[in-house]
């Protein structure tokens, strides 16, 4: 199950980057990966959302078994499961078109936000806030184990993720970078827990 959690971020990002490179009209400086759910090939990104959700939730279950008591053993897996669930929300409620994608979309942002677009954004916001909270919870555990580097990183990475989201109003790349960082740090922390001696968990 922990292997599922480790694989989730790299899978999602690899599928997103490959689509972004090859799909007509997509521009990483203007479009978010979520918009790849739109258009004739949108099913690829929708499938990626669902698979990523399943992997993250499975990873959260594995983390709960691995931590097995002590700081973070209850809330870290729960918060990560919320993060995984947000990917299911993104699969069901796609983002709105805009910024030239799909190819028939207006060049600027949409005039209004659809209900689907609102739910998509709220789901992502709740999910990433839960992920950031999970990192802070894990920081306490790492700190208790004397792993100061891991503890410090688990406090710094959420701030960087939130900074990227805050910069999304002026730069889509800032948003994408923040989102990617959160996924990759989830992979790193899950891998650390998977390889730690049982006594350290």
N, C-alpha and C. Protein backbone atom coordinates (compact mmCIF):
# COMPACT_ATOMS: atom_id res chain seq x y z
N UNK A 1 0.82 -1.21 0.00
CA UNK A 1 0.00 0.00 0.00
C UNK A 1 0.86 1.26 0.00
N UNK A 2 1.97 1.22 0.74
CA UNK A 2 2.86 2.38 0.73
C UNK A 2 3.45 2.59 -0.66
N UNK A 3 3.71 1.50 -1.38
CA UNK A 3 4.23 1.62 -2.74
C UNK A 3 3.24 2.37 -3.63
N UNK A 4 1.95 2.17 -3.38
CA UNK A 4 0.92 2.90 -4.13
C UNK A 4 1.05 4.40 -3.87
N UNK A 5 1.22 4.75 -2.58
CA UNK A 5 1.38 6.16 -2.23
C UNK A 5 2.62 6.77 -2.84
N UNK A 6 3.68 5.98 -2.93
CA UNK A 6 4.93 6.46 -3.53
C UNK A 6 4.75 6.72 -5.02
N UNK A 7 3.98 5.87 -5.68
CA UNK A 7 3.82 5.96 -7.14
C UNK A 7 2.85 7.05 -7.58
N UNK A 8 1.96 7.48 -6.70
CA UNK A 8 0.87 8.38 -7.09
C UNK A 8 1.35 9.67 -7.74
N UNK A 9 2.23 10.40 -7.06
CA UNK A 9 2.69 11.69 -7.58
C UNK A 9 3.42 11.58 -8.90
N UNK A 10 4.45 10.71 -9.00
CA UNK A 10 5.16 10.56 -10.27
C UNK A 10 4.25 10.15 -11.42
N UNK A 11 3.28 9.27 -11.15
CA UNK A 11 2.34 8.86 -12.20
C UNK A 11 1.53 10.04 -12.70
N UNK A 12 0.95 10.79 -11.77
CA UNK A 12 0.10 11.91 -12.15
C UNK A 12 0.89 12.96 -12.93
N UNK A 13 2.07 13.29 -12.45
CA UNK A 13 2.87 14.32 -13.11
C UNK A 13 3.38 13.87 -14.47
N UNK A 14 3.78 12.61 -14.58
CA UNK A 14 4.27 12.10 -15.87
C UNK A 14 3.16 12.12 -16.91
N UNK A 15 1.98 11.64 -16.54
CA UNK A 15 0.85 11.65 -17.48
C UNK A 15 0.50 13.07 -17.88
N UNK A 16 0.50 13.99 -16.91
CA UNK A 16 0.17 15.38 -17.19
C UNK A 16 1.17 16.05 -18.11
N UNK A 17 2.46 15.85 -17.83
CA UNK A 17 3.50 16.48 -18.64
C UNK A 17 3.47 15.94 -20.07
N UNK A 18 3.33 14.64 -20.23
CA UNK A 18 3.29 14.06 -21.57
C UNK A 18 2.10 14.59 -22.37
N UNK A 19 0.96 14.69 -21.73
CA UNK A 19 -0.20 15.24 -22.43
C UNK A 19 0.03 16.70 -22.79
N UNK A 20 0.58 17.45 -21.84
CA UNK A 20 0.80 18.87 -22.08
C UNK A 20 1.73 19.12 -23.25
N UNK A 21 2.70 18.23 -23.43
CA UNK A 21 3.65 18.38 -24.54
C UNK A 21 3.00 18.07 -25.88
N UNK A 22 2.13 17.09 -25.92
CA UNK A 22 1.62 16.60 -27.20
C UNK A 22 0.22 17.07 -27.57
N UNK A 23 -0.54 17.60 -26.64
CA UNK A 23 -1.90 18.03 -26.98
C UNK A 23 -1.91 19.45 -27.55
N UNK A 24 -2.60 19.62 -28.66
CA UNK A 24 -2.64 20.90 -29.36
C UNK A 24 -3.26 21.98 -28.48
N UNK A 25 -2.61 23.12 -28.45
CA UNK A 25 -3.15 24.28 -27.76
C UNK A 25 -2.80 24.39 -26.30
N UNK A 26 -2.21 23.34 -25.73
CA UNK A 26 -1.90 23.39 -24.30
C UNK A 26 -0.55 24.09 -24.09
N UNK A 27 -0.53 24.99 -23.12
CA UNK A 27 0.67 25.77 -22.83
C UNK A 27 0.86 25.78 -21.31
N UNK A 28 1.96 25.23 -20.83
CA UNK A 28 2.19 25.14 -19.39
C UNK A 28 2.25 26.51 -18.72
N UNK A 29 2.56 27.54 -19.47
CA UNK A 29 2.62 28.88 -18.88
C UNK A 29 1.25 29.52 -18.78
N UNK A 30 0.24 28.92 -19.41
CA UNK A 30 -1.11 29.50 -19.42
C UNK A 30 -2.18 28.56 -18.90
N UNK A 31 -1.92 27.26 -19.00
CA UNK A 31 -2.95 26.27 -18.67
C UNK A 31 -2.52 25.38 -17.51
N UNK A 32 -3.50 25.01 -16.68
CA UNK A 32 -3.26 24.08 -15.58
C UNK A 32 -3.48 22.65 -16.07
N UNK A 33 -2.80 21.70 -15.46
CA UNK A 33 -2.93 20.30 -15.85
C UNK A 33 -4.38 19.83 -15.77
N UNK A 34 -5.13 20.38 -14.84
CA UNK A 34 -6.54 19.99 -14.70
C UNK A 34 -7.33 20.19 -15.98
N UNK A 35 -6.96 21.18 -16.77
CA UNK A 35 -7.69 21.46 -18.01
C UNK A 35 -7.52 20.37 -19.06
N UNK A 36 -6.58 19.48 -18.86
CA UNK A 36 -6.40 18.37 -19.79
C UNK A 36 -7.58 17.41 -19.75
N UNK A 37 -8.48 17.56 -18.77
CA UNK A 37 -9.70 16.75 -18.72
C UNK A 37 -10.69 17.16 -19.80
N UNK A 38 -10.44 18.28 -20.45
CA UNK A 38 -11.34 18.81 -21.46
C UNK A 38 -10.96 18.32 -22.85
N UNK A 39 -11.90 18.35 -23.76
CA UNK A 39 -11.62 17.97 -25.15
C UNK A 39 -11.78 16.48 -25.40
N UNK A 40 -11.51 16.08 -26.64
CA UNK A 40 -11.72 14.69 -27.05
C UNK A 40 -10.86 13.70 -26.27
N UNK A 41 -9.68 14.11 -25.87
CA UNK A 41 -8.78 13.21 -25.15
C UNK A 41 -8.83 13.43 -23.63
N UNK A 42 -9.87 14.12 -23.19
CA UNK A 42 -9.99 14.42 -21.76
C UNK A 42 -10.09 13.19 -20.89
N UNK A 43 -10.54 12.07 -21.48
CA UNK A 43 -10.67 10.84 -20.70
C UNK A 43 -9.32 10.38 -20.13
N UNK A 44 -8.24 10.74 -20.80
CA UNK A 44 -6.92 10.33 -20.30
C UNK A 44 -6.65 10.98 -18.94
N UNK A 45 -6.90 12.29 -18.87
CA UNK A 45 -6.65 12.99 -17.61
C UNK A 45 -7.66 12.58 -16.54
N UNK A 46 -8.90 12.33 -16.94
CA UNK A 46 -9.90 11.87 -15.97
C UNK A 46 -9.47 10.53 -15.37
N UNK A 47 -8.96 9.64 -16.23
CA UNK A 47 -8.46 8.35 -15.74
C UNK A 47 -7.27 8.55 -14.81
N UNK A 48 -6.41 9.50 -15.15
CA UNK A 48 -5.25 9.80 -14.30
C UNK A 48 -5.70 10.29 -12.93
N UNK A 49 -6.73 11.13 -12.90
CA UNK A 49 -7.26 11.61 -11.62
C UNK A 49 -7.75 10.44 -10.77
N UNK A 50 -8.50 9.53 -11.38
CA UNK A 50 -9.08 8.41 -10.65
C UNK A 50 -7.98 7.47 -10.14
N UNK A 51 -7.03 7.14 -11.00
CA UNK A 51 -5.94 6.25 -10.58
C UNK A 51 -5.11 6.87 -9.47
N UNK A 52 -4.83 8.16 -9.62
CA UNK A 52 -4.04 8.85 -8.58
C UNK A 52 -4.78 8.86 -7.26
N UNK A 53 -6.09 9.10 -7.31
CA UNK A 53 -6.89 9.07 -6.09
C UNK A 53 -6.81 7.71 -5.41
N UNK A 54 -6.96 6.65 -6.20
CA UNK A 54 -6.92 5.29 -5.64
C UNK A 54 -5.55 5.00 -5.01
N UNK A 55 -4.48 5.43 -5.68
CA UNK A 55 -3.13 5.19 -5.17
C UNK A 55 -2.88 5.96 -3.88
N UNK A 56 -3.31 7.21 -3.83
CA UNK A 56 -3.08 8.02 -2.63
C UNK A 56 -3.86 7.47 -1.44
N UNK A 57 -5.11 7.09 -1.69
CA UNK A 57 -5.93 6.54 -0.60
C UNK A 57 -5.35 5.22 -0.11
N UNK A 58 -4.90 4.38 -1.03
CA UNK A 58 -4.25 3.13 -0.63
C UNK A 58 -2.98 3.43 0.17
N UNK A 59 -2.22 4.43 -0.27
CA UNK A 59 -1.02 4.83 0.47
C UNK A 59 -1.35 5.31 1.87
N UNK A 60 -2.47 6.04 2.00
CA UNK A 60 -2.89 6.52 3.32
C UNK A 60 -3.22 5.35 4.24
N UNK A 61 -3.87 4.32 3.68
CA UNK A 61 -4.18 3.13 4.47
C UNK A 61 -2.90 2.41 4.91
N UNK A 62 -1.95 2.33 3.99
CA UNK A 62 -0.68 1.72 4.32
C UNK A 62 0.08 2.52 5.37
N UNK A 63 -0.02 3.84 5.27
CA UNK A 63 0.65 4.70 6.26
C UNK A 63 0.05 4.50 7.65
N UNK A 64 -1.25 4.34 7.70
CA UNK A 64 -1.91 4.13 8.99
C UNK A 64 -1.39 2.85 9.65
N UNK A 65 -1.24 1.80 8.87
CA UNK A 65 -0.74 0.54 9.42
C UNK A 65 0.73 0.66 9.82
N UNK A 66 1.50 1.40 9.03
CA UNK A 66 2.93 1.53 9.27
C UNK A 66 3.22 2.37 10.51
N UNK A 67 2.51 3.48 10.66
CA UNK A 67 2.75 4.35 11.81
C UNK A 67 2.36 3.67 13.12
N UNK A 68 1.19 3.04 13.13
CA UNK A 68 0.77 2.17 14.24
C UNK A 68 1.04 2.77 15.62
N UNK A 69 0.41 3.91 15.87
CA UNK A 69 0.55 4.54 17.18
C UNK A 69 1.58 5.66 17.18
N UNK A 70 1.48 6.55 18.15
CA UNK A 70 2.42 7.64 18.25
C UNK A 70 1.95 8.86 17.48
N UNK A 71 2.76 9.94 17.52
CA UNK A 71 2.38 11.19 16.85
C UNK A 71 2.13 10.99 15.36
N UNK A 72 1.02 11.49 14.89
CA UNK A 72 0.71 11.46 13.47
C UNK A 72 0.03 10.21 12.98
N UNK A 73 -0.07 9.18 13.80
CA UNK A 73 -0.60 7.91 13.33
C UNK A 73 -2.09 7.96 12.99
N UNK A 74 -2.81 8.89 13.58
CA UNK A 74 -4.24 9.02 13.30
C UNK A 74 -4.51 10.06 12.22
N UNK A 75 -3.98 11.25 12.41
CA UNK A 75 -4.38 12.35 11.53
C UNK A 75 -3.63 12.41 10.21
N UNK A 76 -2.38 12.02 10.18
CA UNK A 76 -1.65 12.06 8.90
C UNK A 76 -2.34 11.20 7.83
N UNK A 77 -2.67 9.93 8.12
CA UNK A 77 -3.36 9.13 7.11
C UNK A 77 -4.74 9.69 6.73
N UNK A 78 -5.46 10.20 7.71
CA UNK A 78 -6.79 10.75 7.42
C UNK A 78 -6.69 11.95 6.49
N UNK A 79 -5.76 12.83 6.77
CA UNK A 79 -5.61 14.03 5.94
C UNK A 79 -5.14 13.68 4.53
N UNK A 80 -4.27 12.69 4.42
CA UNK A 80 -3.81 12.27 3.10
C UNK A 80 -4.94 11.59 2.33
N UNK A 81 -5.81 10.87 3.03
CA UNK A 81 -6.98 10.28 2.37
C UNK A 81 -7.91 11.37 1.83
N UNK A 82 -8.04 12.47 2.58
CA UNK A 82 -8.83 13.61 2.08
C UNK A 82 -8.20 14.16 0.81
N UNK A 83 -6.89 14.26 0.81
CA UNK A 83 -6.17 14.71 -0.39
C UNK A 83 -6.46 13.79 -1.57
N UNK A 84 -6.41 12.49 -1.34
CA UNK A 84 -6.71 11.54 -2.40
C UNK A 84 -8.14 11.69 -2.91
N UNK A 85 -9.07 11.88 -2.00
CA UNK A 85 -10.47 12.05 -2.39
C UNK A 85 -10.67 13.27 -3.28
N UNK A 86 -9.87 14.31 -3.06
CA UNK A 86 -9.99 15.52 -3.88
C UNK A 86 -9.70 15.24 -5.35
N UNK A 87 -8.90 14.22 -5.64
CA UNK A 87 -8.64 13.86 -7.03
C UNK A 87 -9.86 13.21 -7.67
N UNK A 88 -10.64 12.49 -6.88
CA UNK A 88 -11.90 11.95 -7.39
C UNK A 88 -12.87 13.09 -7.72
N UNK A 89 -12.90 14.09 -6.86
CA UNK A 89 -13.74 15.26 -7.12
C UNK A 89 -13.33 15.92 -8.43
N UNK A 90 -12.02 16.04 -8.66
CA UNK A 90 -11.51 16.65 -9.89
C UNK A 90 -11.88 15.84 -11.12
N UNK A 91 -11.96 14.53 -10.96
CA UNK A 91 -12.33 13.67 -12.09
C UNK A 91 -13.80 13.85 -12.46
N UNK A 92 -14.65 14.02 -11.45
CA UNK A 92 -16.09 14.14 -11.69
C UNK A 92 -16.48 15.55 -12.12
N UNK A 93 -15.79 16.55 -11.58
CA UNK A 93 -16.10 17.95 -11.88
C UNK A 93 -14.90 18.59 -12.56
N UNK A 94 -14.87 18.60 -13.89
CA UNK A 94 -13.71 19.14 -14.62
C UNK A 94 -13.58 20.65 -14.48
N UNK A 95 -12.36 21.11 -14.72
CA UNK A 95 -12.09 22.56 -14.72
C UNK A 95 -12.75 23.21 -15.94
N UNK A 96 -12.85 24.52 -15.90
CA UNK A 96 -13.43 25.25 -17.03
C UNK A 96 -12.39 25.47 -18.13
N UNK A 97 -12.85 25.55 -19.38
CA UNK A 97 -11.91 25.89 -20.47
C UNK A 97 -11.47 27.35 -20.36
N UNK A 98 -10.40 27.69 -21.04
CA UNK A 98 -9.91 29.06 -21.04
C UNK A 98 -8.45 29.12 -21.42
N UNK A 99 -7.96 30.32 -21.68
CA UNK A 99 -6.57 30.54 -22.05
C UNK A 99 -6.17 29.69 -23.25
N UNK A 100 -7.11 29.58 -24.20
CA UNK A 100 -6.81 28.90 -25.46
C UNK A 100 -6.85 27.40 -25.42
N UNK A 101 -7.34 26.80 -24.34
CA UNK A 101 -7.44 25.34 -24.28
C UNK A 101 -8.78 24.92 -23.69
N UNK A 102 -9.44 23.95 -24.38
CA UNK A 102 -9.10 23.34 -25.67
C UNK A 102 -9.00 24.37 -26.79
N UNK A 103 -8.67 23.90 -27.97
CA UNK A 103 -8.34 24.83 -29.05
C UNK A 103 -9.47 25.77 -29.41
N UNK A 104 -10.72 25.41 -29.12
CA UNK A 104 -11.85 26.29 -29.44
C UNK A 104 -12.22 27.20 -28.27
N UNK A 105 -11.45 27.17 -27.19
CA UNK A 105 -11.73 28.00 -26.02
C UNK A 105 -11.24 29.43 -26.25
N UNK A 106 -11.84 30.40 -25.57
CA UNK A 106 -11.37 31.79 -25.70
C UNK A 106 -9.93 31.92 -25.21
N UNK A 107 -9.23 32.90 -25.74
CA UNK A 107 -7.82 33.10 -25.36
C UNK A 107 -7.67 33.57 -23.92
N UNK A 108 -8.62 34.35 -23.44
CA UNK A 108 -8.55 34.83 -22.07
C UNK A 108 -9.31 33.90 -21.13
N UNK A 109 -9.40 34.25 -19.85
CA UNK A 109 -10.17 33.45 -18.90
C UNK A 109 -11.65 33.51 -19.24
N UNK A 110 -12.40 32.50 -18.79
CA UNK A 110 -13.83 32.47 -19.06
C UNK A 110 -14.54 33.66 -18.43
N UNK A 111 -15.63 34.07 -19.06
CA UNK A 111 -16.40 35.20 -18.54
C UNK A 111 -16.99 34.86 -17.17
N UNK A 112 -17.45 33.63 -17.01
CA UNK A 112 -18.02 33.21 -15.73
C UNK A 112 -17.50 31.80 -15.40
N UNK A 113 -17.57 31.46 -14.13
CA UNK A 113 -17.12 30.14 -13.70
C UNK A 113 -18.33 29.24 -13.54
N UNK A 114 -18.27 28.06 -14.13
CA UNK A 114 -19.37 27.12 -14.05
C UNK A 114 -19.41 26.47 -12.67
N UNK A 115 -20.53 25.80 -12.38
CA UNK A 115 -20.65 25.07 -11.12
C UNK A 115 -19.58 24.00 -11.02
N UNK A 116 -19.35 23.31 -12.14
CA UNK A 116 -18.31 22.28 -12.16
C UNK A 116 -16.94 22.89 -11.85
N UNK A 117 -16.67 24.05 -12.43
CA UNK A 117 -15.39 24.71 -12.19
C UNK A 117 -15.22 25.12 -10.74
N UNK A 118 -16.31 25.58 -10.13
CA UNK A 118 -16.25 25.99 -8.72
C UNK A 118 -15.97 24.79 -7.82
N UNK A 119 -16.70 23.69 -8.06
CA UNK A 119 -16.50 22.48 -7.25
C UNK A 119 -15.09 21.95 -7.45
N UNK A 120 -14.60 22.00 -8.68
CA UNK A 120 -13.24 21.56 -8.99
C UNK A 120 -12.22 22.35 -8.17
N UNK A 121 -12.35 23.65 -8.16
CA UNK A 121 -11.41 24.50 -7.44
C UNK A 121 -11.51 24.29 -5.92
N UNK A 122 -12.73 24.19 -5.42
CA UNK A 122 -12.91 23.99 -3.98
C UNK A 122 -12.36 22.64 -3.54
N UNK A 123 -12.61 21.61 -4.36
CA UNK A 123 -12.09 20.28 -4.04
C UNK A 123 -10.57 20.28 -3.98
N UNK A 124 -9.94 20.93 -4.96
CA UNK A 124 -8.49 21.00 -4.98
C UNK A 124 -7.94 21.79 -3.80
N UNK A 125 -8.63 22.88 -3.45
CA UNK A 125 -8.18 23.71 -2.33
C UNK A 125 -8.24 22.93 -1.02
N UNK A 126 -9.37 22.25 -0.78
CA UNK A 126 -9.51 21.46 0.44
C UNK A 126 -8.47 20.34 0.47
N UNK A 127 -8.28 19.68 -0.68
CA UNK A 127 -7.33 18.58 -0.75
C UNK A 127 -5.91 19.01 -0.43
N UNK A 128 -5.47 20.11 -1.01
CA UNK A 128 -4.10 20.54 -0.77
C UNK A 128 -3.91 21.12 0.63
N UNK A 129 -4.94 21.75 1.17
CA UNK A 129 -4.84 22.19 2.56
C UNK A 129 -4.70 20.99 3.49
N UNK A 130 -5.43 19.92 3.19
CA UNK A 130 -5.31 18.70 3.99
C UNK A 130 -3.92 18.10 3.87
N UNK A 131 -3.37 18.11 2.65
CA UNK A 131 -2.01 17.59 2.45
C UNK A 131 -0.99 18.39 3.24
N UNK A 132 -1.11 19.70 3.18
CA UNK A 132 -0.18 20.56 3.92
C UNK A 132 -0.29 20.30 5.41
N UNK A 133 -1.52 20.13 5.89
CA UNK A 133 -1.71 19.83 7.32
C UNK A 133 -1.07 18.49 7.67
N UNK A 134 -1.17 17.51 6.76
CA UNK A 134 -0.56 16.20 7.00
C UNK A 134 0.95 16.32 7.13
N UNK A 135 1.56 17.17 6.32
CA UNK A 135 3.01 17.36 6.42
C UNK A 135 3.40 17.94 7.78
N UNK A 136 2.61 18.89 8.27
CA UNK A 136 2.90 19.46 9.59
C UNK A 136 2.76 18.39 10.69
N UNK A 137 1.77 17.52 10.53
CA UNK A 137 1.59 16.43 11.50
C UNK A 137 2.79 15.49 11.46
N UNK A 138 3.25 15.15 10.25
CA UNK A 138 4.41 14.27 10.12
C UNK A 138 5.68 14.94 10.65
N UNK A 139 5.74 16.27 10.54
CA UNK A 139 6.90 16.99 11.07
C UNK A 139 7.05 16.74 12.56
N UNK A 140 5.95 16.70 13.26
CA UNK A 140 5.99 16.44 14.71
C UNK A 140 6.54 15.04 14.97
N UNK A 141 6.14 14.07 14.15
CA UNK A 141 6.64 12.71 14.34
C UNK A 141 8.14 12.64 14.07
N UNK A 142 8.56 13.23 12.95
CA UNK A 142 9.98 13.20 12.62
C UNK A 142 10.81 13.92 13.70
N UNK A 143 10.26 15.01 14.21
CA UNK A 143 10.96 15.75 15.26
C UNK A 143 11.15 14.89 16.50
N UNK A 144 10.10 14.14 16.85
CA UNK A 144 10.19 13.27 18.01
C UNK A 144 11.21 12.16 17.85
N UNK A 145 11.49 11.80 16.59
CA UNK A 145 12.49 10.77 16.30
C UNK A 145 13.90 11.36 16.18
N UNK A 146 14.00 12.67 16.32
CA UNK A 146 15.30 13.32 16.19
C UNK A 146 15.73 13.54 14.76
N UNK A 147 14.81 13.39 13.82
CA UNK A 147 15.13 13.60 12.40
C UNK A 147 14.80 15.06 12.04
N UNK A 148 15.71 15.93 12.41
CA UNK A 148 15.46 17.36 12.29
C UNK A 148 15.33 17.81 10.84
N UNK A 149 16.12 17.21 9.95
CA UNK A 149 16.04 17.59 8.54
C UNK A 149 14.69 17.30 7.95
N UNK A 150 14.17 16.10 8.21
CA UNK A 150 12.86 15.73 7.71
C UNK A 150 11.77 16.57 8.35
N UNK A 151 11.92 16.83 9.64
CA UNK A 151 10.93 17.65 10.34
C UNK A 151 10.89 19.06 9.77
N UNK A 152 12.08 19.64 9.54
CA UNK A 152 12.14 20.99 8.99
C UNK A 152 11.54 21.04 7.58
N UNK A 153 11.86 20.04 6.77
CA UNK A 153 11.34 20.01 5.41
C UNK A 153 9.82 19.88 5.41
N UNK A 154 9.28 19.10 6.34
CA UNK A 154 7.82 18.93 6.42
C UNK A 154 7.12 20.20 6.87
N UNK A 155 7.88 21.15 7.40
CA UNK A 155 7.30 22.45 7.76
C UNK A 155 7.50 23.48 6.65
N UNK A 156 8.58 23.33 5.90
CA UNK A 156 8.90 24.30 4.85
C UNK A 156 8.12 24.02 3.56
N UNK A 157 8.02 22.74 3.19
CA UNK A 157 7.36 22.39 1.93
C UNK A 157 5.91 22.89 1.88
N UNK A 158 5.10 22.70 2.94
CA UNK A 158 3.73 23.22 2.86
C UNK A 158 3.67 24.72 2.62
N UNK A 159 4.62 25.46 3.19
CA UNK A 159 4.65 26.91 2.97
C UNK A 159 4.95 27.23 1.51
N UNK A 160 5.84 26.44 0.90
CA UNK A 160 6.16 26.64 -0.50
C UNK A 160 4.97 26.29 -1.38
N UNK A 161 4.26 25.23 -1.03
CA UNK A 161 3.06 24.84 -1.78
C UNK A 161 2.02 25.95 -1.73
N UNK A 162 1.78 26.46 -0.54
CA UNK A 162 0.79 27.53 -0.38
C UNK A 162 1.23 28.82 -1.07
N UNK A 163 2.53 29.08 -1.08
CA UNK A 163 3.04 30.26 -1.79
C UNK A 163 2.78 30.12 -3.29
N UNK A 164 2.97 28.91 -3.82
CA UNK A 164 2.68 28.67 -5.23
C UNK A 164 1.22 28.89 -5.55
N UNK A 165 0.36 28.44 -4.67
CA UNK A 165 -1.07 28.64 -4.88
C UNK A 165 -1.44 30.12 -4.80
N UNK A 166 -0.80 30.83 -3.86
CA UNK A 166 -1.07 32.27 -3.71
C UNK A 166 -0.63 33.03 -4.95
N UNK A 167 0.42 32.53 -5.63
CA UNK A 167 0.90 33.20 -6.83
C UNK A 167 0.17 32.82 -8.09
N UNK A 168 -0.84 31.96 -7.97
CA UNK A 168 -1.56 31.49 -9.16
C UNK A 168 -2.30 32.60 -9.89
N UNK A 169 -2.64 33.67 -9.16
CA UNK A 169 -3.37 34.77 -9.80
C UNK A 169 -2.52 35.46 -10.86
N UNK A 170 -1.21 35.40 -10.72
CA UNK A 170 -0.33 36.06 -11.69
C UNK A 170 0.47 35.08 -12.53
N UNK A 171 0.56 33.81 -12.09
CA UNK A 171 1.37 32.84 -12.82
C UNK A 171 0.82 31.43 -12.64
N UNK A 172 0.39 30.83 -13.74
CA UNK A 172 -0.08 29.45 -13.69
C UNK A 172 1.07 28.52 -13.33
N UNK A 173 2.28 28.86 -13.78
CA UNK A 173 3.44 28.04 -13.46
C UNK A 173 3.69 27.97 -11.95
N UNK A 174 3.42 29.06 -11.25
CA UNK A 174 3.58 29.06 -9.80
C UNK A 174 2.63 28.07 -9.17
N UNK A 175 1.40 28.07 -9.63
CA UNK A 175 0.40 27.12 -9.13
C UNK A 175 0.83 25.69 -9.43
N UNK A 176 1.22 25.42 -10.68
CA UNK A 176 1.61 24.07 -11.08
C UNK A 176 2.83 23.59 -10.30
N UNK A 177 3.78 24.50 -10.07
CA UNK A 177 4.97 24.15 -9.31
C UNK A 177 4.62 23.79 -7.87
N UNK A 178 3.75 24.58 -7.27
CA UNK A 178 3.32 24.29 -5.90
C UNK A 178 2.61 22.95 -5.79
N UNK A 179 1.72 22.68 -6.75
CA UNK A 179 0.98 21.42 -6.74
C UNK A 179 1.94 20.24 -6.93
N UNK A 180 2.87 20.38 -7.85
CA UNK A 180 3.84 19.30 -8.11
C UNK A 180 4.72 19.05 -6.90
N UNK A 181 5.13 20.13 -6.24
CA UNK A 181 5.97 19.99 -5.05
C UNK A 181 5.26 19.20 -3.97
N UNK A 182 3.98 19.48 -3.77
CA UNK A 182 3.21 18.75 -2.77
C UNK A 182 3.15 17.26 -3.08
N UNK A 183 2.91 16.92 -4.34
CA UNK A 183 2.85 15.52 -4.74
C UNK A 183 4.19 14.82 -4.56
N UNK A 184 5.27 15.49 -4.95
CA UNK A 184 6.59 14.87 -4.86
C UNK A 184 7.03 14.72 -3.41
N UNK A 185 6.66 15.67 -2.55
CA UNK A 185 7.04 15.52 -1.15
C UNK A 185 6.22 14.42 -0.47
N UNK A 186 4.99 14.22 -0.93
CA UNK A 186 4.21 13.09 -0.43
C UNK A 186 4.92 11.78 -0.80
N UNK A 187 5.44 11.71 -2.01
CA UNK A 187 6.21 10.53 -2.43
C UNK A 187 7.43 10.34 -1.52
N UNK A 188 8.14 11.43 -1.26
CA UNK A 188 9.36 11.35 -0.45
C UNK A 188 9.07 10.90 0.98
N UNK A 189 8.06 11.50 1.61
CA UNK A 189 7.76 11.14 3.00
C UNK A 189 7.22 9.72 3.10
N UNK A 190 6.41 9.31 2.13
CA UNK A 190 5.90 7.94 2.15
C UNK A 190 7.03 6.94 1.97
N UNK A 191 7.96 7.25 1.08
CA UNK A 191 9.12 6.38 0.88
C UNK A 191 9.97 6.30 2.15
N UNK A 192 10.11 7.42 2.83
CA UNK A 192 10.89 7.44 4.09
C UNK A 192 10.24 6.53 5.13
N UNK A 193 8.92 6.59 5.23
CA UNK A 193 8.23 5.74 6.19
C UNK A 193 8.31 4.27 5.79
N UNK A 194 8.32 4.03 4.48
CA UNK A 194 8.36 2.64 4.01
C UNK A 194 9.71 1.99 4.26
N UNK A 195 10.77 2.79 4.28
CA UNK A 195 12.11 2.24 4.43
C UNK A 195 12.67 2.37 5.85
N UNK A 196 11.94 3.05 6.72
CA UNK A 196 12.42 3.24 8.09
C UNK A 196 12.33 1.92 8.87
N UNK A 197 13.27 1.66 9.75
CA UNK A 197 13.17 0.49 10.62
C UNK A 197 11.88 0.54 11.42
N UNK A 198 11.35 -0.62 11.73
CA UNK A 198 10.07 -0.70 12.44
C UNK A 198 10.08 0.11 13.74
N UNK A 199 11.20 0.11 14.44
CA UNK A 199 11.28 0.82 15.72
C UNK A 199 11.16 2.32 15.56
N UNK A 200 11.48 2.83 14.35
CA UNK A 200 11.42 4.28 14.13
C UNK A 200 10.06 4.73 13.65
N UNK A 201 9.23 3.82 13.30
CA UNK A 201 7.93 4.22 12.74
C UNK A 201 6.95 4.64 13.82
